N, C-alpha and C. Protein backbone atom coordinates (compact mmCIF):
# COMPACT_ATOMS: atom_id res chain seq x y z
N MET A 1 -0.96 8.07 14.46
CA MET A 1 -2.28 7.47 14.47
C MET A 1 -2.56 6.85 13.10
N CYS A 2 -3.21 5.70 13.11
CA CYS A 2 -3.50 4.99 11.87
C CYS A 2 -5.01 4.93 11.65
N ILE A 3 -5.45 5.27 10.46
CA ILE A 3 -6.85 5.21 10.10
C ILE A 3 -7.04 4.00 9.21
N ARG A 4 -7.87 3.06 9.63
CA ARG A 4 -8.11 1.84 8.87
C ARG A 4 -9.53 1.88 8.32
N ASP A 5 -9.69 1.85 7.02
CA ASP A 5 -11.05 1.92 6.49
C ASP A 5 -11.26 1.12 5.22
N ARG A 6 -10.34 0.29 4.84
CA ARG A 6 -10.51 -0.46 3.60
C ARG A 6 -10.06 -1.91 3.78
N VAL A 7 -10.85 -2.83 3.22
CA VAL A 7 -10.49 -4.24 3.22
C VAL A 7 -10.49 -4.70 1.77
N ILE A 8 -9.43 -5.38 1.38
CA ILE A 8 -9.32 -5.94 0.03
C ILE A 8 -9.20 -7.45 0.16
N GLU A 9 -10.12 -8.17 -0.48
CA GLU A 9 -10.07 -9.63 -0.46
C GLU A 9 -9.15 -10.11 -1.57
N VAL A 10 -8.30 -11.08 -1.23
CA VAL A 10 -7.42 -11.69 -2.22
C VAL A 10 -7.64 -13.20 -2.20
N LYS A 11 -7.54 -13.81 -3.39
CA LYS A 11 -7.78 -15.25 -3.53
C LYS A 11 -6.48 -16.06 -3.52
N SER A 12 -5.35 -15.37 -3.54
CA SER A 12 -4.05 -16.04 -3.54
C SER A 12 -3.19 -15.47 -2.42
N ARG A 13 -2.35 -16.29 -1.86
CA ARG A 13 -1.42 -15.80 -0.84
C ARG A 13 -0.26 -15.01 -1.47
N ASN A 14 0.01 -15.25 -2.76
CA ASN A 14 1.06 -14.53 -3.46
C ASN A 14 0.43 -13.35 -4.19
N VAL A 15 0.85 -12.15 -3.82
CA VAL A 15 0.31 -10.94 -4.43
C VAL A 15 1.44 -10.06 -4.92
N VAL A 16 1.11 -9.23 -5.90
CA VAL A 16 2.03 -8.20 -6.36
C VAL A 16 1.43 -6.87 -5.92
N ILE A 17 2.20 -6.11 -5.17
CA ILE A 17 1.77 -4.81 -4.68
C ILE A 17 2.53 -3.76 -5.49
N SER A 18 1.76 -2.90 -6.17
CA SER A 18 2.36 -1.81 -6.93
C SER A 18 2.02 -0.50 -6.24
N VAL A 19 2.98 0.43 -6.23
CA VAL A 19 2.75 1.73 -5.61
C VAL A 19 3.30 2.81 -6.53
N TRP A 20 2.55 3.93 -6.65
CA TRP A 20 2.99 5.04 -7.49
C TRP A 20 2.26 6.30 -7.07
N ASP A 21 2.72 7.44 -7.59
CA ASP A 21 2.06 8.71 -7.33
C ASP A 21 0.98 8.88 -8.39
N HIS A 22 -0.28 8.79 -7.99
CA HIS A 22 -1.39 8.83 -8.94
C HIS A 22 -1.80 10.24 -9.32
N ASN A 23 -1.39 11.21 -8.53
CA ASN A 23 -1.65 12.62 -8.87
C ASN A 23 -0.41 13.19 -9.53
N LYS A 24 -0.21 14.45 -9.39
CA LYS A 24 1.02 15.07 -9.90
C LYS A 24 2.21 14.61 -9.07
N VAL A 25 3.28 14.20 -9.74
CA VAL A 25 4.49 13.79 -9.04
C VAL A 25 5.07 15.04 -8.38
N ASP A 26 5.08 15.03 -7.04
CA ASP A 26 5.44 16.24 -6.31
C ASP A 26 6.44 16.00 -5.18
N GLY A 27 7.17 14.88 -5.26
CA GLY A 27 8.22 14.65 -4.28
C GLY A 27 7.78 13.93 -3.01
N ASP A 28 6.60 13.29 -3.03
CA ASP A 28 6.14 12.54 -1.86
C ASP A 28 7.13 11.41 -1.54
N ILE A 29 7.50 11.31 -0.27
CA ILE A 29 8.38 10.23 0.19
C ILE A 29 7.59 9.40 1.19
N ILE A 30 7.54 8.08 0.93
CA ILE A 30 6.72 7.18 1.74
C ILE A 30 7.51 5.96 2.20
N SER A 31 6.95 5.30 3.18
CA SER A 31 7.34 3.94 3.54
C SER A 31 6.08 3.12 3.60
N LEU A 32 6.18 1.85 3.21
CA LEU A 32 5.06 0.91 3.30
C LEU A 32 5.45 -0.20 4.25
N LYS A 33 4.55 -0.48 5.16
CA LYS A 33 4.78 -1.52 6.15
C LYS A 33 3.65 -2.53 6.06
N ILE A 34 3.98 -3.81 6.06
CA ILE A 34 2.98 -4.87 6.12
C ILE A 34 3.18 -5.58 7.45
N ASN A 35 2.15 -5.51 8.28
CA ASN A 35 2.22 -6.00 9.65
C ASN A 35 3.43 -5.38 10.33
N ASP A 36 4.43 -6.14 10.67
CA ASP A 36 5.60 -5.59 11.39
C ASP A 36 6.83 -5.42 10.52
N LYS A 37 6.69 -5.58 9.20
CA LYS A 37 7.85 -5.54 8.31
C LYS A 37 7.70 -4.46 7.25
N TYR A 38 8.73 -3.62 7.11
CA TYR A 38 8.73 -2.62 6.05
C TYR A 38 9.08 -3.30 4.73
N ILE A 39 8.28 -3.02 3.69
CA ILE A 39 8.59 -3.56 2.37
C ILE A 39 9.16 -2.46 1.47
N VAL A 40 8.96 -1.20 1.85
CA VAL A 40 9.54 -0.05 1.16
C VAL A 40 9.86 0.99 2.24
N THR A 41 11.06 1.54 2.18
CA THR A 41 11.41 2.59 3.14
C THR A 41 11.95 3.81 2.42
N LYS A 42 11.43 4.95 2.82
CA LYS A 42 11.84 6.25 2.31
C LYS A 42 11.96 6.28 0.79
N TYR A 43 10.88 5.87 0.15
CA TYR A 43 10.82 5.79 -1.31
C TYR A 43 10.15 7.04 -1.85
N THR A 44 10.76 7.70 -2.83
CA THR A 44 10.16 8.85 -3.49
C THR A 44 9.25 8.34 -4.60
N LEU A 45 7.95 8.62 -4.45
CA LEU A 45 6.96 8.14 -5.42
C LEU A 45 7.20 8.73 -6.80
N GLU A 46 6.98 7.90 -7.81
CA GLU A 46 7.12 8.30 -9.21
C GLU A 46 5.82 7.98 -9.94
N ALA A 47 5.72 8.41 -11.18
CA ALA A 47 4.56 8.07 -12.00
C ALA A 47 4.60 6.60 -12.42
N ILE A 48 5.79 6.05 -12.52
CA ILE A 48 5.98 4.64 -12.88
C ILE A 48 5.77 3.79 -11.63
N ARG A 49 5.05 2.69 -11.79
CA ARG A 49 4.74 1.82 -10.66
C ARG A 49 5.96 1.06 -10.17
N LYS A 50 6.12 1.04 -8.85
CA LYS A 50 7.13 0.18 -8.22
C LYS A 50 6.40 -1.09 -7.81
N LYS A 51 6.86 -2.25 -8.30
CA LYS A 51 6.19 -3.52 -8.04
C LYS A 51 6.96 -4.32 -7.00
N LEU A 52 6.20 -4.88 -6.06
CA LEU A 52 6.77 -5.66 -4.97
C LEU A 52 6.01 -6.97 -4.83
N ASN A 53 6.72 -8.07 -4.73
CA ASN A 53 6.09 -9.37 -4.51
C ASN A 53 5.96 -9.59 -3.00
N TYR A 54 4.80 -10.12 -2.60
CA TYR A 54 4.57 -10.38 -1.18
C TYR A 54 3.77 -11.66 -1.04
N ARG A 55 4.09 -12.44 -0.01
CA ARG A 55 3.36 -13.68 0.30
C ARG A 55 2.70 -13.54 1.66
N LEU A 56 1.38 -13.65 1.67
CA LEU A 56 0.64 -13.63 2.93
C LEU A 56 0.86 -14.94 3.66
N THR A 57 1.17 -14.87 4.93
CA THR A 57 1.38 -16.09 5.70
C THR A 57 0.19 -16.41 6.59
N GLY A 58 -0.69 -15.47 6.79
CA GLY A 58 -1.90 -15.69 7.58
C GLY A 58 -3.12 -15.39 6.74
N PHE A 59 -4.21 -15.05 7.41
CA PHE A 59 -5.44 -14.74 6.71
C PHE A 59 -5.67 -13.25 6.56
N GLN A 60 -4.88 -12.44 7.27
CA GLN A 60 -4.98 -10.99 7.15
C GLN A 60 -3.61 -10.36 7.23
N ALA A 61 -3.44 -9.24 6.54
CA ALA A 61 -2.21 -8.46 6.63
C ALA A 61 -2.60 -6.99 6.52
N GLN A 62 -2.03 -6.17 7.39
CA GLN A 62 -2.30 -4.74 7.36
C GLN A 62 -1.18 -4.04 6.61
N VAL A 63 -1.55 -3.26 5.58
CA VAL A 63 -0.61 -2.48 4.80
C VAL A 63 -0.78 -1.02 5.22
N ILE A 64 0.29 -0.41 5.74
CA ILE A 64 0.22 0.96 6.25
C ILE A 64 1.11 1.87 5.41
N LEU A 65 0.55 3.01 5.01
CA LEU A 65 1.29 4.04 4.28
C LEU A 65 1.74 5.10 5.27
N TYR A 66 3.06 5.30 5.38
CA TYR A 66 3.63 6.35 6.22
C TYR A 66 4.20 7.45 5.35
N ALA A 67 3.99 8.69 5.75
CA ALA A 67 4.53 9.84 5.02
C ALA A 67 5.78 10.34 5.72
N HIS A 68 6.85 10.55 4.96
CA HIS A 68 8.07 11.16 5.50
C HIS A 68 8.10 12.66 5.22
N ASN A 69 7.28 13.07 4.27
CA ASN A 69 7.12 14.49 3.97
C ASN A 69 5.73 14.68 3.36
N LEU A 70 5.42 15.88 2.96
CA LEU A 70 4.12 16.15 2.34
C LEU A 70 4.25 16.48 0.87
N GLY A 71 5.47 16.42 0.34
CA GLY A 71 5.68 16.78 -1.06
C GLY A 71 5.37 18.25 -1.27
N ASP A 72 5.23 18.64 -2.51
CA ASP A 72 4.89 20.03 -2.82
C ASP A 72 3.40 20.31 -2.67
N ILE A 73 2.57 19.24 -2.72
CA ILE A 73 1.12 19.40 -2.63
C ILE A 73 0.59 18.46 -1.54
N PRO A 74 0.39 18.95 -0.32
CA PRO A 74 -0.13 18.09 0.76
C PRO A 74 -1.56 17.64 0.47
N PRO A 75 -2.00 16.49 1.01
CA PRO A 75 -1.22 15.55 1.79
C PRO A 75 -0.41 14.62 0.88
N ASN A 76 0.31 13.71 1.49
CA ASN A 76 1.07 12.71 0.77
C ASN A 76 0.06 11.68 0.25
N THR A 77 0.05 11.43 -1.06
CA THR A 77 -0.90 10.48 -1.64
C THR A 77 -0.18 9.43 -2.47
N ALA A 78 -0.75 8.23 -2.45
CA ALA A 78 -0.18 7.14 -3.24
C ALA A 78 -1.30 6.24 -3.72
N ALA A 79 -1.14 5.71 -4.92
CA ALA A 79 -2.04 4.67 -5.42
C ALA A 79 -1.37 3.33 -5.16
N ILE A 80 -2.17 2.38 -4.71
CA ILE A 80 -1.66 1.04 -4.44
C ILE A 80 -2.55 0.05 -5.16
N GLU A 81 -1.92 -0.81 -5.97
CA GLU A 81 -2.65 -1.85 -6.67
C GLU A 81 -2.27 -3.19 -6.07
N ILE A 82 -3.27 -4.00 -5.80
CA ILE A 82 -3.07 -5.36 -5.29
C ILE A 82 -3.50 -6.32 -6.40
N ASP A 83 -2.56 -7.13 -6.87
CA ASP A 83 -2.82 -8.11 -7.93
C ASP A 83 -2.60 -9.50 -7.34
N ASP A 84 -3.68 -10.27 -7.22
CA ASP A 84 -3.57 -11.63 -6.67
C ASP A 84 -3.50 -12.69 -7.76
N GLY A 85 -3.32 -12.25 -9.01
CA GLY A 85 -3.26 -13.18 -10.13
C GLY A 85 -4.62 -13.47 -10.73
N ILE A 86 -5.67 -13.06 -10.04
CA ILE A 86 -7.04 -13.24 -10.53
C ILE A 86 -7.66 -11.88 -10.81
N THR A 87 -7.55 -10.99 -9.84
CA THR A 87 -8.07 -9.63 -10.00
C THR A 87 -7.02 -8.61 -9.57
N LYS A 88 -7.17 -7.41 -10.12
CA LYS A 88 -6.34 -6.28 -9.73
C LYS A 88 -7.27 -5.25 -9.09
N GLN A 89 -6.89 -4.81 -7.90
CA GLN A 89 -7.69 -3.82 -7.19
C GLN A 89 -6.80 -2.64 -6.84
N THR A 90 -7.27 -1.43 -7.17
CA THR A 90 -6.48 -0.23 -6.92
C THR A 90 -7.20 0.65 -5.92
N ILE A 91 -6.45 1.13 -4.93
CA ILE A 91 -7.01 2.10 -3.99
C ILE A 91 -6.00 3.23 -3.83
N LYS A 92 -6.51 4.34 -3.38
CA LYS A 92 -5.65 5.50 -3.13
C LYS A 92 -5.60 5.74 -1.64
N LEU A 93 -4.39 5.88 -1.11
CA LEU A 93 -4.19 6.16 0.30
C LEU A 93 -3.54 7.52 0.45
N LYS A 94 -3.78 8.15 1.59
CA LYS A 94 -3.12 9.42 1.86
C LYS A 94 -2.61 9.39 3.29
N ALA A 95 -1.63 10.23 3.54
CA ALA A 95 -1.05 10.31 4.88
C ALA A 95 -0.53 11.71 5.11
N SER A 96 -0.57 12.12 6.36
CA SER A 96 0.04 13.36 6.77
C SER A 96 1.20 12.99 7.69
N LEU A 97 1.83 13.96 8.28
CA LEU A 97 2.91 13.65 9.21
C LEU A 97 2.36 13.17 10.55
N GLN A 98 1.04 13.34 10.77
CA GLN A 98 0.41 12.91 12.02
C GLN A 98 -0.43 11.64 11.87
N GLU A 99 -0.99 11.40 10.68
CA GLU A 99 -1.88 10.27 10.48
C GLU A 99 -1.51 9.48 9.24
N SER A 100 -1.72 8.17 9.32
CA SER A 100 -1.45 7.27 8.21
C SER A 100 -2.73 6.53 7.85
N GLU A 101 -2.90 6.21 6.58
CA GLU A 101 -4.01 5.35 6.17
C GLU A 101 -3.47 3.95 5.92
N SER A 102 -4.38 2.99 6.01
CA SER A 102 -3.97 1.61 5.79
C SER A 102 -5.08 0.84 5.10
N LEU A 103 -4.74 -0.36 4.71
CA LEU A 103 -5.72 -1.28 4.15
C LEU A 103 -5.43 -2.65 4.72
N ILE A 104 -6.44 -3.48 4.70
CA ILE A 104 -6.30 -4.86 5.17
C ILE A 104 -6.41 -5.78 3.97
N LEU A 105 -5.41 -6.65 3.80
CA LEU A 105 -5.49 -7.73 2.82
C LEU A 105 -6.13 -8.90 3.53
N GLN A 106 -7.28 -9.33 3.03
CA GLN A 106 -8.01 -10.44 3.64
C GLN A 106 -7.95 -11.63 2.69
N TYR A 107 -7.28 -12.69 3.11
CA TYR A 107 -7.16 -13.90 2.28
C TYR A 107 -8.47 -14.67 2.34
N SER A 108 -9.06 -14.93 1.17
CA SER A 108 -10.34 -15.65 1.11
C SER A 108 -10.27 -16.85 0.17
N GLY A 109 -9.06 -17.25 -0.17
CA GLY A 109 -8.90 -18.42 -1.05
C GLY A 109 -8.92 -19.70 -0.26
N GLU A 110 -8.72 -20.79 -0.96
CA GLU A 110 -8.67 -22.09 -0.29
C GLU A 110 -7.36 -22.20 0.48
N ASP A 111 -7.42 -22.67 1.69
CA ASP A 111 -6.22 -22.82 2.51
C ASP A 111 -5.57 -24.16 2.20
N LEU A 112 -4.38 -24.08 1.61
CA LEU A 112 -3.68 -25.33 1.23
C LEU A 112 -2.71 -25.73 2.28
């Protein structure tokens, strides 16, 4: 089951997505999926940010955090920063083995 409760507006179709363990590094293993494509699979979160470049092709994209384990301190938590080149927005997502959290990237820039 996926819980959707956050929308992030971006002004550019090219974004940098950073993901890291914002709490104590405790062995959380995650996958990140944008729409139907995995951009990270079975990644063990670290204190250092993992940066990923992504290009939005439409006006919305759903980013889903999946947990492969709960680490030493449940639930599985991750900080995700979205940098569209104008602003940086950070949110924290959590997931259990039964539920995932997600966010929506909403493109609000000029359509070229």
